[in-house]
Amino acid sequence: MSVTANRAKKLPTRRNTELFLLVLALGVTALAEFLVSTTAGSSRNDQSWLPNILVLGAFGVGVNISLRIWAKYADPYILPVLVALNGIGLAMIHRLDLAGPPELATAATSQLLYSGVGMASAVIILWVIRDHRVLRKFTYVWLAVSVVLLLLPMVPGLGFATYGARIWIRIGSFSVQPGEFAKVTLAIFFASYLASKRDLILLAGHKIGPLQLPRYRDLAPMLIAWCIAMGIMVLQTDLGSALMFFGLFMVMIYVATGRISWILIGGGLVALGGLFAYIFMRHVRARFQIWYDAFNPDIYYRDPGGSYQVVQGLFGMAHGGLGGTGLGAGSPERIPVAKSDMIYAALGEEIGLVGLFAVVMFFLLFASRGIRAGLGARDGFGKLLATGLSFAVAFQFFIVTGGVLRIIPLTGLTTPFMSAGGSSLLANWVLAAVLLLISHNARRPATGGLLTSEDDSLLASKLSAPETPSALDAREDDRPRPESNHTSQANRPNQSNARPGAHPAARPSGRRAAHRAGHQGHRDDSRPSDARPNAGGATSA
């Protein structure tokens, strides 16, 4: 049995660990749902917590079984973390439903339905794709799909505006937010494009001090991404999506090149776009006013576009304090749009600062496991895609919580996996399925043999490291490559004849040098004439 086969036999899949953590996540959700039903729902004799847990648990175990079949080496922590976040958000939405009229208490049921559809979509992705490198074959198809998704809300009769942002489309009785799916397709396009054009982008341009700037022609992708973000902000009046898409591209191009100059150029473009939006766009200027002067009575009572929503969220979190009021014991229903935009503030009132820290740790754990999967990926496309998808979720969470806490202006994005909304939940579960596939391909044992995919052949033809190292050049199981005989003998100092205090380049003289030359000639003559060193340093006849 080969060494690779032995490694494949010994490497644990860790699916049982995932199942154990999944049970713990469902236990946390069950406790939250039970507390909500017995406190806020006591007057209605609410018993819906048990069906909610059973349905969520059934779909979670279904994803675990699917991973055992099609992606058994996938990361064992991603699924339990996401189920915990999904369950906590579901419990909070259920609690807000119980605070309102019974005839309008349908958000939790819809959220449970969307959760099931999202997990089922993740299973379909695992079954159909199997290998994430298949996605790289359709680089410009993903770009076209992204453009169509972003333009759909602008189609008359199809798109409509909500709270001033035109980011929704209506299909029958359903409303869909195409931008959530564009987040995934744009990440795939960016990863595929940058993995293919990375060597061209790395070509040196002008140098200003220690900064190596790219060539002017290589700035085109950055300018295109900036124009897309500005178009979203101007046409759809959606500041959050514009910030998220451009930030996603900035991070992915930095990971691909390792050059800080791209971050500086991107930061300059963000500042330029923000200044333009503040001067010429009234809704962006209103968001900035809410941010830096929320307690001004004129801004607080302004309708529409006042700071009432942000201030009520701050009051609610202050009421919760360190430990919170307890699920069902607060008044989060006073916060406008608490089920979607402000669910983080609603949670802060009832689970307190400690509970909010736990939510933050869940997102940090998800992002770290996703980036770890990217570091272990064997192909540049997988590295970029895993990093981009993980950053997209983490950055979206930062934008939402930063707006709620008045760290940055409020944007209107929803908290991933927690806020009410089928589009966001479905898109994020699709994102999670792709990330699980990448982690599976990164952790599974290499079977050896010839490289068959175009991507691996490209990597094999570029064994030399680029001039500027980046995250694409790192692998979790990197080992030093064996040097050839010529290289090792040329670069290795002659330790056997080195004398104390002698220069490393000094050569022995006299009879010792003649004796060594004769011995070397005898060793070279003993090698067969048709033997030649290969790339690994071994000889082949």
Protein backbone atom coordinates (compact mmCIF):
# COMPACT_ATOMS: atom_id res chain seq x y z
CA MET A 1 0.00 0.00 0.00
CA SER A 2 1.38 3.42 -0.98
CA VAL A 3 2.12 6.26 1.43
CA THR A 4 -0.72 8.30 -0.09
CA ALA A 5 -3.16 5.47 0.44
CA ASN A 6 -2.06 5.12 4.06
CA ARG A 7 -2.54 8.85 4.59
CA ALA A 8 -6.00 8.70 3.00
CA LYS A 9 -6.89 5.86 5.33
CA LYS A 10 -5.65 7.61 8.47
CA LEU A 11 -6.91 11.14 7.77
CA PRO A 12 -10.16 11.58 9.73
CA THR A 13 -13.16 13.09 7.97
CA ARG A 14 -14.41 14.60 11.28
CA ARG A 15 -18.04 14.32 10.30
CA ASN A 16 -18.90 12.92 13.73
CA THR A 17 -17.29 15.99 15.31
CA GLU A 18 -19.46 18.12 13.05
CA LEU A 19 -22.57 16.17 14.09
CA PHE A 20 -21.74 16.63 17.78
CA LEU A 21 -21.26 20.38 17.33
CA LEU A 22 -24.45 20.51 15.26
CA VAL A 23 -26.38 18.99 18.17
CA LEU A 24 -24.92 21.66 20.48
CA ALA A 25 -25.94 24.40 18.04
CA LEU A 26 -29.47 23.01 17.86
CA GLY A 27 -29.52 22.83 21.66
CA VAL A 28 -28.72 26.55 21.92
CA THR A 29 -31.46 27.29 19.39
CA ALA A 30 -33.95 25.06 21.21
CA LEU A 31 -33.26 26.84 24.50
CA ALA A 32 -33.73 30.25 22.87
CA GLU A 33 -36.98 29.18 21.17
CA PHE A 34 -38.31 27.68 24.41
CA LEU A 35 -37.59 30.85 26.38
CA VAL A 36 -39.32 32.94 23.72
CA SER A 37 -42.44 30.73 23.72
CA THR A 38 -42.71 30.58 27.52
CA THR A 39 -42.23 34.33 28.11
CA ALA A 40 -43.33 36.47 25.17
CA GLY A 41 -45.75 33.79 23.96
CA SER A 42 -47.19 32.73 27.32
CA SER A 43 -50.40 34.71 26.79
CA ARG A 44 -50.99 32.94 23.48
CA ASN A 45 -50.00 29.48 24.71
CA ASP A 46 -47.42 29.38 21.93
CA GLN A 47 -45.97 25.92 21.22
CA SER A 48 -44.35 26.58 17.83
CA TRP A 49 -40.82 26.35 19.23
CA LEU A 50 -40.78 22.55 18.95
CA PRO A 51 -41.71 22.36 15.22
CA ASN A 52 -39.18 25.09 14.48
CA ILE A 53 -36.39 23.10 16.11
CA LEU A 54 -37.41 19.82 14.49
CA VAL A 55 -37.49 21.32 11.00
CA LEU A 56 -34.21 23.19 11.43
CA GLY A 57 -32.57 20.11 12.93
CA ALA A 58 -33.80 17.83 10.14
CA PHE A 59 -32.33 20.07 7.44
CA GLY A 60 -29.08 20.49 9.38
CA VAL A 61 -28.63 16.74 9.74
CA GLY A 62 -29.49 16.40 6.04
CA VAL A 63 -26.59 18.68 5.14
CA ASN A 64 -24.33 16.66 7.44
CA ILE A 65 -25.33 13.44 5.66
CA SER A 66 -24.73 15.08 2.27
CA LEU A 67 -21.26 16.11 3.37
CA ARG A 68 -20.51 12.52 4.38
CA ILE A 69 -21.35 11.45 0.83
CA TRP A 70 -19.98 14.20 -1.43
CA ALA A 71 -17.57 16.30 0.67
CA LYS A 72 -16.46 14.13 3.58
CA TYR A 73 -13.26 16.11 4.21
CA ALA A 74 -15.04 19.48 4.46
CA ASP A 75 -14.36 21.71 7.44
CA PRO A 76 -16.33 20.37 10.44
CA TYR A 77 -16.94 23.76 12.10
CA ILE A 78 -18.60 25.77 9.33
CA LEU A 79 -21.97 24.00 9.31
CA PRO A 80 -22.56 24.07 13.12
CA VAL A 81 -21.64 27.76 13.30
CA LEU A 82 -24.05 28.67 10.52
CA VAL A 83 -26.87 26.58 11.97
CA ALA A 84 -26.35 28.31 15.34
CA LEU A 85 -26.52 31.77 13.72
CA ASN A 86 -29.56 30.75 11.66
CA GLY A 87 -31.29 29.39 14.76
CA ILE A 88 -30.58 32.41 16.95
CA GLY A 89 -31.91 34.71 14.25
CA LEU A 90 -35.01 32.53 13.87
CA ALA A 91 -35.67 32.67 17.63
CA MET A 92 -35.39 36.48 17.63
CA ILE A 93 -37.74 36.83 14.67
CA HIS A 94 -40.19 34.49 16.43
CA ARG A 95 -39.98 36.66 19.53
CA LEU A 96 -40.72 39.83 17.50
CA ASP A 97 -43.69 38.08 15.86
CA LEU A 98 -45.16 37.35 19.29
CA ALA A 99 -44.88 41.04 20.21
CA GLY A 100 -47.12 42.10 17.32
CA PRO A 101 -50.66 41.33 16.18
CA PRO A 102 -51.34 37.59 15.71
CA GLU A 103 -52.53 38.05 12.14
CA LEU A 104 -49.16 39.56 11.18
CA ALA A 105 -47.01 36.98 12.97
CA THR A 106 -45.77 35.21 9.83
CA ALA A 107 -42.11 36.27 9.59
CA ALA A 108 -40.80 33.34 11.67
CA THR A 109 -42.69 30.79 9.57
CA SER A 110 -41.33 32.35 6.38
CA GLN A 111 -37.82 32.43 7.82
CA LEU A 112 -38.04 28.73 8.70
CA LEU A 113 -39.22 27.97 5.16
CA TYR A 114 -36.36 29.98 3.64
CA SER A 115 -33.90 28.25 5.95
CA GLY A 116 -35.04 24.88 4.67
CA VAL A 117 -34.86 26.03 1.05
CA GLY A 118 -31.38 27.46 1.64
CA MET A 119 -30.05 24.24 3.17
CA ALA A 120 -31.65 22.20 0.39
CA SER A 121 -29.93 24.47 -2.13
CA ALA A 122 -26.63 23.85 -0.36
CA VAL A 123 -27.17 20.09 -0.72
CA ILE A 124 -27.89 20.51 -4.44
CA ILE A 125 -24.67 22.53 -4.86
CA LEU A 126 -22.68 19.79 -3.11
CA TRP A 127 -24.23 17.14 -5.35
CA VAL A 128 -23.97 18.95 -8.69
CA ILE A 129 -20.61 20.74 -8.52
CA ARG A 130 -18.40 18.36 -6.47
CA ASP A 131 -15.23 20.26 -7.50
CA HIS A 132 -15.11 24.04 -7.13
CA ARG A 133 -12.62 24.35 -10.02
CA VAL A 134 -15.46 23.70 -12.44
CA LEU A 135 -16.70 27.22 -11.71
CA ARG A 136 -13.53 28.72 -13.18
CA LYS A 137 -14.44 27.64 -16.71
CA PHE A 138 -17.17 30.29 -16.95
CA THR A 139 -15.27 33.44 -16.01
CA TYR A 140 -17.11 35.96 -18.14
CA VAL A 141 -20.41 34.14 -17.80
CA TRP A 142 -20.28 34.97 -14.08
CA LEU A 143 -19.58 38.60 -14.95
CA ALA A 144 -22.58 38.71 -17.29
CA VAL A 145 -24.81 37.08 -14.67
CA SER A 146 -23.63 39.61 -12.07
CA VAL A 147 -24.39 42.55 -14.34
CA VAL A 148 -27.88 41.19 -15.11
CA LEU A 149 -28.60 40.65 -11.42
CA LEU A 150 -27.53 44.17 -10.54
CA LEU A 151 -29.57 45.71 -13.36
CA LEU A 152 -32.80 43.78 -12.72
CA PRO A 153 -34.12 46.22 -10.06
CA MET A 154 -33.88 49.02 -12.64
CA VAL A 155 -36.27 47.29 -15.06
CA PRO A 156 -39.61 49.17 -15.08
CA GLY A 157 -42.46 47.05 -13.77
CA LEU A 158 -40.10 44.53 -12.22
CA GLY A 159 -38.02 46.47 -9.70
CA PHE A 160 -39.35 48.59 -6.86
CA ALA A 161 -37.92 50.72 -4.07
CA THR A 162 -38.12 50.07 -0.33
CA TYR A 163 -36.94 52.62 2.25
CA GLY A 164 -35.43 54.65 -0.59
CA ALA A 165 -33.25 51.88 -2.08
CA ARG A 166 -34.25 50.33 -5.40
CA ILE A 167 -32.73 46.88 -4.85
CA TRP A 168 -35.80 44.63 -5.02
CA ILE A 169 -37.72 42.88 -7.79
CA ARG A 170 -41.19 41.37 -7.57
CA ILE A 171 -41.96 37.98 -9.12
CA GLY A 172 -45.60 37.15 -8.53
CA SER A 173 -46.21 37.32 -4.80
CA PHE A 174 -42.50 37.00 -3.97
CA SER A 175 -39.94 39.78 -3.64
CA VAL A 176 -36.28 39.01 -4.37
CA GLN A 177 -33.09 40.97 -3.75
CA PRO A 178 -30.79 40.08 -6.70
CA GLY A 179 -27.80 41.86 -5.16
CA GLU A 180 -27.44 39.10 -2.56
CA PHE A 181 -26.83 36.56 -5.32
CA ALA A 182 -24.56 39.00 -7.19
CA LYS A 183 -22.31 38.90 -4.12
CA VAL A 184 -21.56 35.23 -4.84
CA THR A 185 -21.28 35.51 -8.64
CA LEU A 186 -18.99 38.55 -8.43
CA ALA A 187 -16.73 36.72 -5.98
CA ILE A 188 -16.46 33.80 -8.44
CA PHE A 189 -15.70 36.18 -11.33
CA PHE A 190 -13.08 38.12 -9.37
CA ALA A 191 -11.37 34.91 -8.24
CA SER A 192 -11.32 33.43 -11.74
CA TYR A 193 -10.12 36.63 -13.41
CA LEU A 194 -7.40 37.39 -10.88
CA ALA A 195 -6.14 33.81 -10.84
CA SER A 196 -5.76 33.92 -14.64
CA LYS A 197 -4.35 37.46 -14.98
CA ARG A 198 -2.27 37.54 -11.82
CA ASP A 199 1.11 37.39 -13.57
CA LEU A 200 0.19 40.30 -15.83
CA ILE A 201 -1.05 42.38 -12.91
CA LEU A 202 2.20 41.69 -11.04
CA LEU A 203 4.30 43.31 -13.78
CA ALA A 204 6.09 46.31 -12.37
CA GLY A 205 4.95 49.84 -13.08
CA HIS A 206 5.99 53.14 -11.63
CA LYS A 207 7.71 53.21 -8.25
CA ILE A 208 7.11 55.95 -5.69
CA GLY A 209 9.37 55.47 -2.71
CA PRO A 210 8.86 51.96 -1.32
CA LEU A 211 5.55 51.53 -3.19
CA GLN A 212 5.51 49.56 -6.45
CA LEU A 213 2.52 50.88 -8.40
CA PRO A 214 0.84 48.80 -11.10
CA ARG A 215 0.90 49.68 -14.77
CA TYR A 216 -1.83 51.99 -16.02
CA ARG A 217 -3.39 49.28 -18.17
CA ASP A 218 -3.66 46.97 -15.14
CA LEU A 219 -5.79 49.52 -13.30
CA ALA A 220 -8.74 48.70 -15.58
CA PRO A 221 -10.23 45.97 -13.29
CA MET A 222 -10.07 48.28 -10.28
CA LEU A 223 -11.71 51.13 -12.21
CA ILE A 224 -14.43 48.81 -13.55
CA ALA A 225 -15.22 47.58 -10.02
CA TRP A 226 -15.30 51.20 -8.83
CA CYS A 227 -17.68 52.18 -11.62
CA ILE A 228 -19.97 49.26 -10.75
CA ALA A 229 -20.03 50.35 -7.10
CA MET A 230 -20.72 53.98 -8.06
CA GLY A 231 -23.48 52.89 -10.44
CA ILE A 232 -25.16 50.93 -7.67
CA MET A 233 -24.93 53.88 -5.30
CA VAL A 234 -26.25 56.41 -7.83
CA LEU A 235 -28.92 54.38 -9.64
CA GLN A 236 -30.15 52.17 -6.80
CA THR A 237 -29.31 54.53 -3.90
CA ASP A 238 -27.79 51.55 -2.08
CA LEU A 239 -24.70 52.63 -0.16
CA GLY A 240 -24.18 49.27 1.62
CA SER A 241 -24.02 47.06 -1.47
CA ALA A 242 -21.69 49.49 -3.25
CA LEU A 243 -19.32 49.47 -0.28
CA MET A 244 -19.44 45.67 0.05
CA PHE A 245 -18.78 44.91 -3.64
CA PHE A 246 -15.86 47.29 -3.94
CA GLY A 247 -14.38 46.13 -0.63
CA LEU A 248 -14.64 42.53 -1.84
CA PHE A 249 -12.66 43.33 -4.98
CA MET A 250 -10.02 45.29 -3.06
CA VAL A 251 -9.36 42.41 -0.67
CA MET A 252 -9.22 39.79 -3.43
CA ILE A 253 -6.76 41.77 -5.57
CA TYR A 254 -4.59 42.34 -2.51
CA VAL A 255 -4.59 38.62 -1.73
CA ALA A 256 -3.71 37.88 -5.38
CA THR A 257 -0.82 40.33 -5.62
CA GLY A 258 0.36 41.00 -2.08
CA ARG A 259 0.92 44.67 -2.92
CA ILE A 260 -0.21 47.35 -0.49
CA SER A 261 -0.37 49.83 -3.39
CA TRP A 262 -3.68 48.27 -4.51
CA ILE A 263 -5.19 48.96 -1.07
CA LEU A 264 -4.00 52.56 -1.19
CA ILE A 265 -5.41 53.06 -4.70
CA GLY A 266 -8.70 51.45 -3.68
CA GLY A 267 -8.87 53.55 -0.54
CA GLY A 268 -8.35 56.69 -2.61
CA LEU A 269 -11.17 55.66 -4.95
CA VAL A 270 -13.46 55.00 -1.96
CA ALA A 271 -12.69 58.46 -0.56
CA LEU A 272 -13.33 60.03 -3.97
CA GLY A 273 -16.63 58.17 -4.37
CA GLY A 274 -17.72 59.03 -0.85
CA LEU A 275 -16.99 62.73 -1.38
CA PHE A 276 -18.92 62.70 -4.66
CA ALA A 277 -21.88 60.94 -3.05
CA TYR A 278 -21.95 63.31 -0.06
CA ILE A 279 -21.97 66.40 -2.27
CA PHE A 280 -24.39 65.32 -4.99
CA MET A 281 -26.62 62.62 -3.42
CA ARG A 282 -29.16 63.70 -0.83
CA HIS A 283 -29.82 60.27 0.70
CA VAL A 284 -26.12 59.65 1.29
CA ARG A 285 -25.80 63.08 2.92
CA ALA A 286 -28.77 62.22 5.16
CA ARG A 287 -27.08 58.98 6.24
CA PHE A 288 -23.94 60.88 7.20
CA GLN A 289 -25.98 63.40 9.20
CA ILE A 290 -27.67 60.56 11.09
CA TRP A 291 -24.25 59.10 11.82
CA TYR A 292 -22.45 62.11 13.30
CA ASP A 293 -25.41 63.98 14.85
CA ALA A 294 -28.03 61.34 15.65
CA PHE A 295 -29.28 63.02 18.85
CA ASN A 296 -29.99 66.36 17.21
CA PRO A 297 -33.79 66.90 17.63
CA ASP A 298 -34.14 68.20 14.08
CA ILE A 299 -32.53 65.03 12.68
CA TYR A 300 -34.20 62.72 15.22
CA TYR A 301 -37.75 63.81 14.30
CA ARG A 302 -37.11 64.22 10.58
CA ASP A 303 -39.52 62.12 8.51
CA PRO A 304 -38.40 60.44 6.38
CA GLY A 305 -34.66 60.04 6.85
CA GLY A 306 -34.45 60.70 10.60
CA SER A 307 -32.25 59.09 13.22
CA TYR A 308 -35.14 57.63 15.22
CA GLN A 309 -34.29 54.07 14.17
CA VAL A 310 -30.60 54.29 15.14
CA VAL A 311 -31.28 56.01 18.45
CA GLN A 312 -33.94 53.48 19.46
CA GLY A 313 -31.46 50.71 18.74
CA LEU A 314 -28.87 52.39 20.97
CA PHE A 315 -31.43 52.83 23.75
CA GLY A 316 -32.43 49.17 23.47
CA MET A 317 -28.84 47.94 23.78
CA ALA A 318 -28.25 50.29 26.71
CA HIS A 319 -31.34 48.85 28.39
CA GLY A 320 -29.99 45.33 27.91
CA GLY A 321 -26.67 46.16 29.52
CA LEU A 322 -24.12 43.41 30.09
CA GLY A 323 -26.36 40.37 30.50
CA GLY A 324 -29.53 41.48 28.72
CA THR A 325 -33.12 41.49 29.90
CA GLY A 326 -33.65 37.87 28.86
CA LEU A 327 -35.38 36.55 25.78
CA GLY A 328 -38.99 37.72 25.80
CA ALA A 329 -38.50 40.20 28.64
CA GLY A 330 -37.43 43.30 26.71
CA SER A 331 -39.13 45.63 24.24
CA PRO A 332 -37.21 45.17 20.95
CA GLU A 333 -40.41 45.72 18.98
CA ARG A 334 -39.97 49.47 19.57
CA ILE A 335 -37.00 49.46 17.18
CA PRO A 336 -38.13 50.08 13.59
CA VAL A 337 -37.37 47.25 11.13
CA ALA A 338 -36.04 45.12 14.00
CA LYS A 339 -36.51 41.84 12.12
CA SER A 340 -34.09 42.70 9.33
CA ASP A 341 -31.87 45.79 9.45
CA MET A 342 -31.78 46.16 13.24
CA ILE A 343 -31.89 42.57 14.46
CA TYR A 344 -28.45 43.04 16.04
CA ALA A 345 -29.81 45.83 18.23
CA ALA A 346 -32.88 43.75 19.11
CA LEU A 347 -30.62 40.88 20.18
CA GLY A 348 -28.47 43.26 22.19
CA GLU A 349 -31.42 44.30 24.35
CA GLU A 350 -32.40 40.76 25.34
CA ILE A 351 -29.09 38.82 25.36
CA GLY A 352 -26.89 41.74 26.38
CA LEU A 353 -23.28 42.55 25.57
CA VAL A 354 -22.16 39.01 26.41
CA GLY A 355 -24.57 37.54 23.90
CA LEU A 356 -23.50 40.01 21.22
CA PHE A 357 -19.88 39.03 21.81
CA ALA A 358 -20.89 35.40 21.27
CA VAL A 359 -22.50 36.33 17.93
CA VAL A 360 -19.34 38.21 16.91
CA MET A 361 -17.24 35.17 17.81
CA PHE A 362 -19.45 32.97 15.63
CA PHE A 363 -18.80 35.22 12.63
CA LEU A 364 -15.08 35.42 13.39
CA LEU A 365 -14.93 31.63 13.62
CA PHE A 366 -16.71 31.28 10.29
CA ALA A 367 -14.36 33.77 8.60
CA SER A 368 -11.25 32.15 10.07
CA ARG A 369 -12.28 28.66 8.98
CA GLY A 370 -13.07 29.93 5.50
CA ILE A 371 -9.69 31.65 5.18
CA ARG A 372 -8.01 28.51 6.51
CA ALA A 373 -9.71 26.54 3.74
CA GLY A 374 -8.34 29.06 1.26
CA LEU A 375 -4.81 28.70 2.64
CA GLY A 376 -5.01 24.94 2.25
CA ALA A 377 -6.43 25.01 -1.29
CA ARG A 378 -4.17 23.52 -3.94
CA ASP A 379 -5.12 26.01 -6.64
CA GLY A 380 -4.99 29.79 -6.87
CA PHE A 381 -8.64 30.04 -7.83
CA GLY A 382 -9.70 28.17 -4.69
CA LYS A 383 -7.51 30.34 -2.49
CA LEU A 384 -8.99 33.53 -3.87
CA LEU A 385 -12.59 32.30 -3.89
CA ALA A 386 -12.52 31.00 -0.30
CA THR A 387 -10.92 34.21 0.95
CA GLY A 388 -13.38 36.36 -0.99
CA LEU A 389 -16.48 34.50 0.18
CA SER A 390 -15.34 34.50 3.81
CA PHE A 391 -14.51 38.19 3.65
CA ALA A 392 -17.85 39.01 2.00
CA VAL A 393 -19.80 37.57 4.94
CA ALA A 394 -17.50 39.08 7.57
CA PHE A 395 -17.44 42.49 5.88
CA GLN A 396 -21.21 42.54 5.50
CA PHE A 397 -21.57 41.76 9.21
CA PHE A 398 -19.15 44.58 10.03
CA ILE A 399 -21.06 47.05 7.85
CA VAL A 400 -24.36 46.12 9.54
CA THR A 401 -23.08 46.18 13.12
CA GLY A 402 -20.99 49.28 12.46
CA GLY A 403 -24.11 51.10 11.33
CA VAL A 404 -26.14 49.91 14.32
CA LEU A 405 -23.40 50.99 16.75
CA ARG A 406 -22.75 54.29 14.91
CA ILE A 407 -19.19 53.34 14.01
CA ILE A 408 -20.03 54.00 10.34
CA PRO A 409 -23.19 55.36 8.67
CA LEU A 410 -26.14 52.98 8.60
CA THR A 411 -26.39 51.31 5.18
CA GLY A 412 -29.47 49.08 5.21
CA LEU A 413 -27.74 45.74 4.67
CA THR A 414 -29.01 42.71 6.58
CA THR A 415 -27.09 40.54 9.02
CA PRO A 416 -26.06 37.30 7.21
CA PHE A 417 -27.93 34.14 8.29
CA MET A 418 -29.84 36.04 11.01
CA SER A 419 -32.02 38.77 9.52
CA ALA A 420 -35.44 38.05 8.06
CA GLY A 421 -35.31 37.72 4.29
CA GLY A 422 -35.35 34.80 1.90
CA SER A 423 -32.93 36.25 -0.66
CA SER A 424 -30.16 36.84 1.86
CA LEU A 425 -30.62 33.47 3.53
CA LEU A 426 -30.71 31.52 0.27
CA ALA A 427 -27.66 33.30 -1.19
CA ASN A 428 -25.63 32.85 1.98
CA TRP A 429 -26.36 29.12 2.16
CA VAL A 430 -25.23 28.78 -1.47
CA LEU A 431 -22.07 30.67 -0.49
CA ALA A 432 -21.55 28.28 2.43
CA ALA A 433 -21.88 25.24 0.13
CA VAL A 434 -19.16 26.54 -2.20
CA LEU A 435 -16.93 27.23 0.80
CA LEU A 436 -17.50 23.68 2.09
CA LEU A 437 -16.49 22.29 -1.30
CA ILE A 438 -13.26 24.28 -1.26
CA SER A 439 -12.43 23.10 2.25
CA HIS A 440 -13.12 19.50 1.19
CA ASN A 441 -10.75 19.73 -1.78
CA ALA A 442 -8.15 21.40 0.43
CA ARG A 443 -8.23 18.76 3.18
CA ARG A 444 -8.67 15.57 1.18
CA PRO A 445 -5.50 13.52 0.63
CA ALA A 446 -3.71 14.00 -2.68
CA THR A 447 -4.03 10.86 -4.79
CA GLY A 448 -0.88 11.49 -6.81
CA GLY A 449 -0.57 10.83 -10.49
CA LEU A 450 -0.58 13.26 -13.38
CA LEU A 451 -2.27 16.62 -13.18
CA THR A 452 -5.36 16.51 -15.30
CA SER A 453 -7.15 19.82 -14.76
CA GLU A 454 -6.15 22.92 -16.63
CA ASP A 455 -5.76 24.81 -13.38
CA ASP A 456 -3.32 22.34 -11.83
CA SER A 457 -1.33 22.18 -15.06
CA LEU A 458 -1.03 25.97 -14.95
CA LEU A 459 0.23 25.82 -11.37
CA ALA A 460 2.70 23.08 -12.25
CA SER A 461 4.17 25.20 -15.05
CA LYS A 462 4.80 28.08 -12.62
CA LEU A 463 6.99 26.49 -10.00
CA SER A 464 9.06 29.62 -9.51
CA ALA A 465 7.67 32.05 -6.94
CA PRO A 466 6.66 35.54 -8.12
CA GLU A 467 8.77 38.55 -7.34
CA THR A 468 6.23 39.78 -4.80
CA PRO A 469 4.91 37.01 -2.51
CA SER A 470 1.22 36.87 -1.76
CA ALA A 471 -1.27 34.61 -0.06
CA LEU A 472 -1.60 32.61 -3.29
CA ASP A 473 1.96 31.39 -2.83
CA ALA A 474 1.23 29.87 0.60
CA ARG A 475 -0.08 26.40 1.29
CA GLU A 476 -0.96 24.83 4.57
CA ASP A 477 1.30 21.82 3.89
CA ASP A 478 4.13 23.63 2.09
CA ARG A 479 7.46 21.90 2.28
CA PRO A 480 10.84 22.97 0.84
CA ARG A 481 11.30 21.67 -2.67
CA PRO A 482 14.23 19.28 -3.17
CA GLU A 483 17.12 21.00 -4.89
CA SER A 484 18.95 19.60 -7.85
CA ASN A 485 22.52 18.33 -7.52
CA HIS A 486 23.92 21.25 -9.50
CA THR A 487 22.01 23.83 -7.46
CA SER A 488 22.81 22.32 -4.09
CA GLN A 489 26.51 21.94 -4.89
CA ALA A 490 26.72 25.44 -6.33
CA ASN A 491 25.01 27.16 -3.44
CA ARG A 492 26.08 25.02 -0.48
CA PRO A 493 29.28 26.22 1.24
CA ASN A 494 32.09 23.69 1.46
CA GLN A 495 31.75 22.82 5.12
CA SER A 496 34.14 19.86 5.16
CA ASN A 497 37.18 21.96 4.29
CA ALA A 498 36.24 25.17 6.12
CA ARG A 499 38.81 26.25 8.67
CA PRO A 500 38.09 28.45 11.68
CA GLY A 501 38.42 32.05 10.60
CA ALA A 502 38.66 31.20 6.90
CA HIS A 503 36.49 32.94 4.32
CA PRO A 504 33.64 30.73 3.05
CA ALA A 505 34.77 31.25 -0.53
CA ALA A 506 38.38 30.30 0.19
CA ARG A 507 39.65 27.27 -1.74
CA PRO A 508 42.17 24.70 -0.49
CA SER A 509 45.53 24.89 -2.19
CA GLY A 510 48.50 22.63 -2.72
CA ARG A 511 48.29 18.87 -2.51
CA ARG A 512 44.89 18.96 -0.81
CA ALA A 513 43.38 20.76 -3.83
CA ALA A 514 45.02 18.35 -6.26
CA HIS A 515 43.88 15.37 -4.23
CA ARG A 516 40.31 16.72 -4.11
CA ALA A 517 40.29 17.38 -7.88
CA GLY A 518 41.45 13.84 -8.53
CA HIS A 519 38.86 12.40 -6.17
CA GLN A 520 36.14 14.51 -7.83
CA GLY A 521 37.21 13.34 -11.26
CA HIS A 522 37.14 9.73 -10.11
CA ARG A 523 33.61 10.21 -8.71
CA ASP A 524 32.40 11.82 -11.93
CA ASP A 525 33.92 9.05 -14.05
CA SER A 526 32.09 6.44 -12.01
CA ARG A 527 28.71 7.85 -13.13
CA PRO A 528 27.23 6.15 -16.22
CA SER A 529 27.59 8.27 -19.34
CA ASP A 530 23.87 8.19 -20.12
CA ALA A 531 22.75 9.21 -16.62
CA ARG A 532 21.64 12.77 -16.16
CA PRO A 533 20.14 14.61 -13.16
CA ASN A 534 16.41 15.38 -13.29
CA ALA A 535 14.57 18.28 -11.67
CA GLY A 536 14.32 16.52 -8.35
CA GLY A 537 18.02 15.79 -8.04
CA ALA A 538 17.75 12.03 -8.73
CA THR A 539 19.39 10.32 -11.70
CA SER A 540 17.61 8.63 -14.55
CA ALA A 541 19.12 6.32 -17.12
